[in-house]
N, C-alpha and C. Protein backbone atom coordinates (compact mmCIF):
# COMPACT_ATOMS: atom_id res chain seq x y z
N MET A 1 -157.67 239.48 89.13
CA MET A 1 -156.56 238.35 88.25
C MET A 1 -155.43 238.87 88.06
N THR A 2 -154.15 238.07 88.21
CA THR A 2 -152.86 238.41 88.11
C THR A 2 -151.98 237.21 87.95
N ASP A 3 -150.79 237.44 87.31
CA ASP A 3 -149.95 236.47 86.85
C ASP A 3 -149.15 236.07 88.10
N SER A 4 -149.36 236.43 89.46
CA SER A 4 -148.86 236.31 90.59
C SER A 4 -148.73 235.28 90.94
N ALA A 5 -148.58 234.28 91.94
CA ALA A 5 -148.49 233.22 92.54
C ALA A 5 -149.59 233.35 94.08
N PHE A 6 -150.14 233.04 94.39
CA PHE A 6 -150.67 232.92 95.29
C PHE A 6 -150.51 231.49 96.14
N ALA A 7 -150.42 231.48 98.03
CA ALA A 7 -150.30 230.44 98.39
C ALA A 7 -151.58 229.91 98.67
N SER A 8 -151.78 228.44 98.61
CA SER A 8 -153.59 227.97 98.62
C SER A 8 -153.62 227.34 100.39
N THR A 9 -154.67 227.21 100.55
CA THR A 9 -155.51 227.34 101.84
C THR A 9 -155.02 225.59 101.86
N GLY A 10 -154.80 224.81 101.12
CA GLY A 10 -155.18 223.74 101.30
C GLY A 10 -154.88 222.81 99.88
N LEU A 11 -154.67 221.48 99.92
CA LEU A 11 -154.60 220.37 99.14
C LEU A 11 -155.94 219.60 99.17
N THR A 12 -156.53 218.66 98.31
CA THR A 12 -157.45 217.78 98.87
C THR A 12 -156.85 216.76 97.08
N PRO A 13 -156.53 215.47 97.64
CA PRO A 13 -155.94 214.97 96.58
C PRO A 13 -157.15 213.99 96.34
N TYR A 14 -156.99 213.48 94.91
CA TYR A 14 -158.14 212.52 94.37
C TYR A 14 -156.98 211.48 93.16
N ALA A 15 -157.62 210.49 93.53
CA ALA A 15 -157.14 209.39 93.02
C ALA A 15 -157.64 208.66 92.13
N LEU A 16 -157.45 208.49 90.45
CA LEU A 16 -158.12 207.74 89.58
C LEU A 16 -157.37 206.60 88.92
N ARG A 17 -157.99 205.77 88.54
CA ARG A 17 -157.23 204.69 87.48
C ARG A 17 -158.42 204.72 86.30
N LEU A 18 -157.49 205.22 85.39
CA LEU A 18 -158.34 204.96 84.12
C LEU A 18 -158.03 203.49 83.66
N PRO A 19 -158.99 203.19 82.68
CA PRO A 19 -158.98 201.90 82.07
C PRO A 19 -158.82 201.42 80.96
N PRO A 20 -158.85 200.29 80.07
CA PRO A 20 -157.80 200.19 78.98
C PRO A 20 -158.57 200.96 77.84
N ASP A 21 -158.21 201.79 76.77
CA ASP A 21 -158.97 202.23 75.82
C ASP A 21 -159.48 203.41 76.32
N ALA A 22 -159.11 203.56 77.47
CA ALA A 22 -159.84 205.64 77.79
C ALA A 22 -159.15 206.60 77.23
N ASP A 23 -159.52 207.44 76.94
CA ASP A 23 -158.74 208.76 76.27
C ASP A 23 -158.15 209.71 77.37
N LEU A 24 -156.79 209.50 77.34
CA LEU A 24 -155.89 210.11 78.69
C LEU A 24 -156.70 211.61 78.85
N LYS A 25 -156.72 212.58 77.79
CA LYS A 25 -157.14 213.99 77.86
C LYS A 25 -158.35 214.18 78.54
N ILE A 26 -159.35 213.13 77.60
CA ILE A 26 -160.55 213.69 77.38
C ILE A 26 -161.19 213.39 78.99
N SER A 27 -160.52 211.89 79.30
CA SER A 27 -161.19 211.22 81.01
C SER A 27 -160.62 212.58 81.82
N LEU A 28 -159.10 213.35 81.87
CA LEU A 28 -158.99 214.16 82.41
C LEU A 28 -159.86 215.48 82.44
N GLN A 29 -160.29 215.90 81.58
CA GLN A 29 -161.31 216.74 81.07
C GLN A 29 -162.54 216.75 81.84
N THR A 30 -163.31 215.63 81.52
CA THR A 30 -164.49 215.46 82.31
C THR A 30 -164.16 214.99 83.56
N PHE A 31 -162.95 214.29 84.39
CA PHE A 31 -163.23 214.50 85.77
C PHE A 31 -163.27 215.78 86.24
N THR A 32 -162.36 216.57 85.79
CA THR A 32 -162.28 218.05 86.32
C THR A 32 -163.62 218.82 86.25
N GLN A 33 -164.37 218.46 85.25
CA GLN A 33 -165.43 219.25 85.11
C GLN A 33 -167.05 218.32 86.00
N GLN A 34 -166.80 217.07 86.05
CA GLN A 34 -167.52 216.35 87.32
C GLN A 34 -167.32 216.88 88.65
N HIS A 35 -165.85 217.33 88.78
CA HIS A 35 -165.53 217.48 90.41
C HIS A 35 -165.42 218.96 90.15
N GLN A 36 -166.03 220.08 89.10
CA GLN A 36 -165.89 221.25 89.18
C GLN A 36 -164.43 221.78 89.82
N LEU A 37 -163.64 221.53 89.39
CA LEU A 37 -162.20 221.95 89.91
C LEU A 37 -161.96 223.24 89.50
N ALA A 38 -161.91 224.21 90.53
CA ALA A 38 -161.71 225.83 89.90
C ALA A 38 -159.67 225.25 89.81
N ALA A 39 -159.13 225.05 90.50
CA ALA A 39 -157.97 224.97 90.23
C ALA A 39 -157.06 223.72 90.69
N ALA A 40 -156.19 222.97 89.62
CA ALA A 40 -156.12 221.38 90.29
C ALA A 40 -154.32 221.30 89.62
N CYS A 41 -153.69 220.25 90.08
CA CYS A 41 -152.51 219.95 89.11
C CYS A 41 -152.38 218.76 89.08
N ILE A 42 -151.03 217.69 88.57
CA ILE A 42 -151.33 216.74 88.36
C ILE A 42 -150.20 216.57 89.71
N LEU A 43 -150.16 215.57 90.46
CA LEU A 43 -149.40 214.63 91.48
C LEU A 43 -148.61 213.98 90.85
N THR A 44 -149.31 213.20 90.48
CA THR A 44 -147.79 211.90 89.98
C THR A 44 -149.22 211.42 88.84
N ALA A 45 -148.55 210.45 87.87
CA ALA A 45 -148.68 209.42 87.09
C ALA A 45 -148.38 208.55 86.42
N VAL A 46 -149.18 207.70 86.52
CA VAL A 46 -147.98 205.89 85.89
C VAL A 46 -148.83 205.14 84.90
N GLY A 47 -148.30 204.94 83.90
CA GLY A 47 -149.19 204.05 82.96
C GLY A 47 -148.71 203.79 81.84
N SER A 48 -149.54 202.99 81.03
CA SER A 48 -149.40 202.88 79.37
C SER A 48 -150.27 203.26 77.89
N LEU A 49 -150.06 203.50 76.99
CA LEU A 49 -150.40 203.61 76.38
C LEU A 49 -150.64 202.86 75.27
N THR A 50 -151.20 202.63 74.02
CA THR A 50 -151.32 201.92 72.83
C THR A 50 -151.24 202.86 71.70
N VAL A 51 -151.25 204.47 71.78
CA VAL A 51 -151.06 205.44 70.88
C VAL A 51 -150.63 206.23 71.29
N ALA A 52 -150.39 207.34 71.15
CA ALA A 52 -149.97 208.71 71.69
C ALA A 52 -150.29 209.66 71.14
N GLN A 53 -150.71 210.69 71.20
CA GLN A 53 -150.72 212.06 70.22
C GLN A 53 -150.58 213.51 70.67
N LEU A 54 -149.16 213.91 70.42
CA LEU A 54 -149.09 215.07 71.21
C LEU A 54 -148.28 216.39 70.19
N ARG A 55 -148.57 217.10 70.36
CA ARG A 55 -148.20 218.78 69.97
C ARG A 55 -146.86 218.76 70.10
N PHE A 56 -145.88 218.41 69.52
CA PHE A 56 -144.33 218.98 69.86
C PHE A 56 -144.30 220.54 70.50
N ALA A 57 -143.00 220.78 70.85
CA ALA A 57 -142.63 222.53 71.27
C ALA A 57 -142.79 222.87 69.62
N GLY A 58 -143.30 224.25 69.63
CA GLY A 58 -142.80 224.60 68.47
C GLY A 58 -144.17 224.89 67.18
N GLN A 59 -144.89 223.09 67.24
CA GLN A 59 -145.67 223.45 66.13
C GLN A 59 -146.96 223.35 66.11
N ALA A 60 -147.64 223.64 65.33
CA ALA A 60 -149.01 223.89 65.12
C ALA A 60 -149.79 222.97 65.34
N THR A 61 -149.75 221.68 64.72
CA THR A 61 -150.22 220.26 64.72
C THR A 61 -149.76 219.28 65.59
N SER A 62 -150.47 218.40 66.04
CA SER A 62 -150.22 217.04 66.55
C SER A 62 -149.48 215.93 65.90
N THR A 63 -148.74 215.20 66.67
CA THR A 63 -148.52 214.06 65.77
C THR A 63 -149.07 212.76 66.70
N VAL A 64 -149.58 211.89 65.90
CA VAL A 64 -149.82 210.53 65.91
C VAL A 64 -148.44 209.52 66.28
N LEU A 65 -148.37 208.84 67.43
CA LEU A 65 -147.27 207.81 67.98
C LEU A 65 -147.98 207.03 67.80
N PRO A 66 -148.26 205.53 66.99
CA PRO A 66 -149.20 204.26 67.23
C PRO A 66 -148.35 203.52 67.30
N GLU A 67 -147.52 203.00 68.62
CA GLU A 67 -146.97 202.28 69.03
C GLU A 67 -147.10 202.13 70.95
N ARG A 68 -146.79 200.84 71.70
CA ARG A 68 -147.28 200.91 72.93
C ARG A 68 -146.18 201.97 74.01
N PHE A 69 -146.76 202.87 74.56
CA PHE A 69 -145.37 203.60 75.62
C PHE A 69 -145.90 203.36 77.10
N GLU A 70 -144.82 203.72 77.70
CA GLU A 70 -144.78 203.92 78.93
C GLU A 70 -144.96 205.30 79.44
N ILE A 71 -145.86 205.62 80.32
CA ILE A 71 -146.11 207.12 80.50
C ILE A 71 -145.04 207.62 81.62
N VAL A 72 -143.85 208.15 81.24
CA VAL A 72 -142.98 208.58 82.78
C VAL A 72 -143.14 209.81 83.03
N SER A 73 -143.84 210.44 82.56
CA SER A 73 -144.17 211.47 83.46
C SER A 73 -145.45 213.10 82.65
N LEU A 74 -146.57 213.31 83.72
CA LEU A 74 -147.15 214.14 83.26
C LEU A 74 -147.27 215.04 84.25
N VAL A 75 -147.44 216.35 83.81
CA VAL A 75 -147.43 217.20 84.34
C VAL A 75 -148.74 218.44 84.24
N GLY A 76 -148.78 219.60 84.95
CA GLY A 76 -149.96 220.52 84.21
C GLY A 76 -151.12 220.75 85.65
N THR A 77 -151.39 222.15 84.36
CA THR A 77 -152.79 221.85 85.55
C THR A 77 -153.84 221.98 84.93
N LEU A 78 -154.76 221.77 85.92
CA LEU A 78 -156.53 221.26 85.47
C LEU A 78 -157.50 222.62 85.80
N SER A 79 -158.72 222.99 85.35
CA SER A 79 -159.68 223.98 85.62
C SER A 79 -160.70 223.69 85.08
N VAL A 80 -161.87 224.27 85.18
CA VAL A 80 -162.95 224.19 84.53
C VAL A 80 -162.64 224.80 83.38
N ALA A 81 -162.03 226.20 83.27
CA ALA A 81 -161.64 227.38 82.29
C ALA A 81 -160.79 226.37 81.54
N GLY A 82 -159.92 225.15 81.76
CA GLY A 82 -158.99 224.51 80.68
C GLY A 82 -157.90 223.97 81.48
N LEU A 83 -157.38 223.12 80.52
CA LEU A 83 -156.18 222.31 81.11
C LEU A 83 -155.29 222.71 80.54
N HIS A 84 -154.01 222.41 80.65
CA HIS A 84 -152.89 222.53 80.13
C HIS A 84 -151.62 221.43 80.78
N LEU A 85 -151.42 220.38 79.98
CA LEU A 85 -150.89 219.02 80.36
C LEU A 85 -149.36 218.72 79.17
N HIS A 86 -148.77 218.77 79.43
CA HIS A 86 -147.32 217.92 79.39
C HIS A 86 -147.30 216.25 79.46
N LEU A 87 -146.95 215.87 78.41
CA LEU A 87 -146.66 214.32 78.46
C LEU A 87 -145.31 214.27 78.00
N ALA A 88 -144.47 212.81 78.92
CA ALA A 88 -143.37 212.45 78.81
C ALA A 88 -143.70 210.76 78.13
N ILE A 89 -143.28 210.09 77.42
CA ILE A 89 -143.49 208.92 77.36
C ILE A 89 -142.19 208.10 76.32
N ALA A 90 -142.15 207.27 77.37
CA ALA A 90 -141.11 205.65 76.39
C ALA A 90 -141.55 204.75 75.60
N ASN A 91 -140.82 204.52 74.73
CA ASN A 91 -141.10 203.14 73.88
C ASN A 91 -140.41 202.26 74.54
N ALA A 92 -140.27 200.74 74.00
CA ALA A 92 -139.90 199.34 74.43
C ALA A 92 -138.59 199.56 74.37
N GLN A 93 -137.71 200.81 73.53
CA GLN A 93 -136.55 201.07 73.53
C GLN A 93 -135.70 201.70 74.08
N GLY A 94 -136.69 202.59 75.08
CA GLY A 94 -136.43 203.37 76.21
C GLY A 94 -136.30 204.90 75.47
N GLN A 95 -137.00 205.08 73.91
CA GLN A 95 -136.64 206.26 73.54
C GLN A 95 -138.01 207.23 74.14
N LEU A 96 -137.19 208.70 74.29
CA LEU A 96 -138.67 209.24 74.93
C LEU A 96 -139.11 210.45 74.25
N TRP A 97 -140.43 211.03 74.38
CA TRP A 97 -140.84 211.40 73.60
C TRP A 97 -141.63 212.45 74.33
N GLY A 98 -141.77 213.77 74.15
CA GLY A 98 -142.54 214.82 75.18
C GLY A 98 -143.49 215.79 74.49
N GLY A 99 -144.53 216.40 74.87
CA GLY A 99 -145.06 217.61 74.22
C GLY A 99 -146.21 217.76 75.00
N HIS A 100 -147.17 218.41 74.39
CA HIS A 100 -148.81 219.19 74.52
C HIS A 100 -149.48 217.66 74.54
N LEU A 101 -149.97 217.39 75.60
CA LEU A 101 -151.16 215.92 75.81
C LEU A 101 -152.00 216.67 75.17
N MET A 102 -152.38 216.12 73.86
CA MET A 102 -153.74 215.58 73.21
C MET A 102 -155.22 214.82 72.96
N PRO A 103 -155.65 215.03 72.59
CA PRO A 103 -156.84 213.99 72.83
C PRO A 103 -156.78 212.84 71.53
N GLY A 104 -156.52 211.67 71.97
CA GLY A 104 -156.11 210.86 71.37
C GLY A 104 -155.24 209.54 71.91
N CYS A 105 -154.75 210.08 73.16
CA CYS A 105 -153.74 209.09 73.81
C CYS A 105 -154.64 208.25 74.43
N ARG A 106 -154.18 207.27 74.08
CA ARG A 106 -155.35 205.87 74.75
C ARG A 106 -154.58 204.98 75.39
N ILE A 107 -155.21 204.52 76.41
CA ILE A 107 -154.70 203.59 77.67
C ILE A 107 -154.50 202.59 77.24
N TYR A 108 -153.44 201.78 77.52
CA TYR A 108 -152.97 200.52 77.13
C TYR A 108 -153.87 199.42 78.11
N THR A 109 -153.18 199.74 79.80
CA THR A 109 -153.36 198.50 80.54
C THR A 109 -154.26 199.27 81.55
N THR A 110 -153.63 200.65 81.44
CA THR A 110 -154.26 201.22 83.54
C THR A 110 -153.34 202.86 83.00
N ALA A 111 -153.94 203.72 84.01
CA ALA A 111 -153.03 204.99 84.08
C ALA A 111 -153.49 205.01 85.57
N GLU A 112 -152.54 205.31 86.18
CA GLU A 112 -153.32 205.42 87.60
C GLU A 112 -152.59 206.95 88.09
N ILE A 113 -153.20 208.07 88.23
CA ILE A 113 -152.87 209.31 88.76
C ILE A 113 -153.72 209.83 89.71
N VAL A 114 -152.89 210.86 90.56
CA VAL A 114 -153.22 211.63 91.65
C VAL A 114 -153.37 212.96 91.37
N VAL A 115 -154.57 213.77 91.06
CA VAL A 115 -154.88 215.11 91.11
C VAL A 115 -155.07 215.92 92.32
N GLY A 116 -154.37 216.72 92.81
CA GLY A 116 -154.27 217.65 93.40
C GLY A 116 -155.23 218.86 93.55
N ALA A 117 -156.55 218.96 94.01
CA ALA A 117 -157.06 220.06 93.96
C ALA A 117 -156.50 221.09 95.22
N LEU A 118 -156.70 222.62 94.49
CA LEU A 118 -156.27 223.71 95.38
C LEU A 118 -157.15 224.89 95.40
N PRO A 119 -157.81 224.33 96.77
CA PRO A 119 -159.51 224.83 97.20
C PRO A 119 -159.31 226.51 97.16
N GLY A 120 -158.10 226.96 97.21
CA GLY A 120 -157.98 228.22 97.85
C GLY A 120 -157.83 229.18 96.53
N LEU A 121 -157.52 228.72 95.21
CA LEU A 121 -157.13 229.12 94.13
C LEU A 121 -158.47 229.26 93.05
N ARG A 122 -158.05 229.52 92.01
CA ARG A 122 -158.88 229.72 90.74
C ARG A 122 -158.48 230.17 89.74
N PHE A 123 -158.22 228.74 88.78
CA PHE A 123 -157.65 229.12 87.49
C PHE A 123 -158.09 229.65 86.22
N GLN A 124 -157.90 230.21 85.45
CA GLN A 124 -158.37 231.00 84.21
C GLN A 124 -157.40 230.77 83.28
N ARG A 125 -158.00 230.97 82.05
CA ARG A 125 -157.17 230.81 80.79
C ARG A 125 -157.43 232.41 80.38
N LEU A 126 -156.57 233.25 79.91
CA LEU A 126 -157.01 234.49 79.22
C LEU A 126 -155.77 234.54 78.36
N ALA A 127 -156.62 235.41 77.37
CA ALA A 127 -155.42 235.48 75.96
C ALA A 127 -154.63 236.66 76.70
N ASP A 128 -153.21 236.34 76.32
CA ASP A 128 -151.98 237.13 76.36
C ASP A 128 -151.71 237.95 75.08
N GLU A 129 -151.60 239.25 74.84
CA GLU A 129 -151.28 239.92 73.94
C GLU A 129 -149.74 239.49 73.42
N GLN A 130 -148.84 239.16 74.48
CA GLN A 130 -147.60 238.90 74.53
C GLN A 130 -146.91 237.72 73.49
N THR A 131 -147.80 236.68 73.98
CA THR A 131 -147.32 235.13 73.77
C THR A 131 -148.32 234.52 72.48
N GLY A 132 -149.81 235.82 72.82
CA GLY A 132 -150.53 235.31 71.56
C GLY A 132 -151.59 233.92 72.00
N TYR A 133 -151.11 233.51 72.85
CA TYR A 133 -151.76 232.26 73.30
C TYR A 133 -152.80 232.92 74.77
N ARG A 134 -153.73 231.50 74.97
CA ARG A 134 -154.69 231.90 76.27
C ARG A 134 -153.88 230.98 77.34
N GLU A 135 -153.31 232.12 78.27
CA GLU A 135 -152.25 231.55 79.26
C GLU A 135 -153.17 231.80 80.73
N LEU A 136 -152.27 230.74 81.74
CA LEU A 136 -153.00 231.07 83.00
C LEU A 136 -152.86 232.73 83.74
N ALA A 137 -153.72 232.22 84.14
CA ALA A 137 -154.33 233.41 85.48
C ALA A 137 -154.73 232.95 86.88
N ILE A 138 -153.84 233.19 87.43
CA ILE A 138 -154.40 232.53 88.92
C ILE A 138 -155.10 233.87 89.84
N ALA A 139 -156.32 233.55 90.58
CA ALA A 139 -156.62 234.40 91.48
C ALA A 139 -156.85 233.89 92.42
N ILE A 140 -157.20 234.25 93.76
CA ILE A 140 -157.48 234.27 94.85
C ILE A 140 -159.03 233.60 94.70
N ALA A 141 -159.27 232.06 95.47
CA ALA A 141 -161.26 232.11 95.34
C ALA A 141 -161.15 232.68 96.32
N GLN A 142 -163.18 233.03 95.77
CA GLN A 142 -164.15 233.65 96.51
C GLN A 142 -164.57 232.72 97.59
N PRO A 143 -164.29 232.87 98.75
CA PRO A 143 -164.99 232.06 100.22
C PRO A 143 -166.48 231.89 99.84
N GLN A 144 -166.88 230.89 99.87
CA GLN A 144 -168.09 230.41 99.79
C GLN A 144 -169.14 230.98 101.21
N THR A 145 -170.09 231.94 101.22
CA THR A 145 -171.32 232.18 101.99
C THR A 145 -171.67 231.44 102.18
N LEU A 146 -171.92 230.71 103.55
CA LEU A 146 -173.34 229.83 103.83
C LEU A 146 -174.47 230.84 104.47
N GLU A 147 -175.73 230.32 103.52
CA GLU A 147 -176.59 231.00 104.39
C GLU A 147 -176.77 230.23 105.68
N PRO A 148 -177.94 231.69 106.70
CA PRO A 148 -177.90 231.10 108.17
C PRO A 148 -178.76 230.64 108.04
N ASN A 149 -178.64 228.99 109.20
CA ASN A 149 -180.18 228.46 109.29
C ASN A 149 -181.14 229.81 110.42
N LEU A 150 -181.92 229.34 109.23
CA LEU A 150 -183.83 230.00 110.12
C LEU A 150 -184.07 229.11 110.68
């Protein structure tokens, strides 16, 4: 493991649409687990929410924002070892909020998301003494060996 960046061997895109009332973060966690994604990122996302739950920068707890929002941006990394996602949203007046995506963000009409799987990499979340958080650790994925046909 190292915190250096590696070039991936490719990109496998997945497109998904989340229906009304789905939880944005829980849906992405479930998708990541179902597809056993060792390393992935959000390529693009649009949609709307009926309620948002964000943890703002430097805050220990999350904030619930109970109104309709447009998803302006969703960025971050995903793996079976953990997700780190930031969400930017705008209300009907164009006011923006952004922070860590938390469970509790409920889809209003839809969320259209494209996830890029990085098959040449493996992401983990390891304790970092300097920051005190579980931070991203990047490794080259070990190639799978196939059993010979006998």
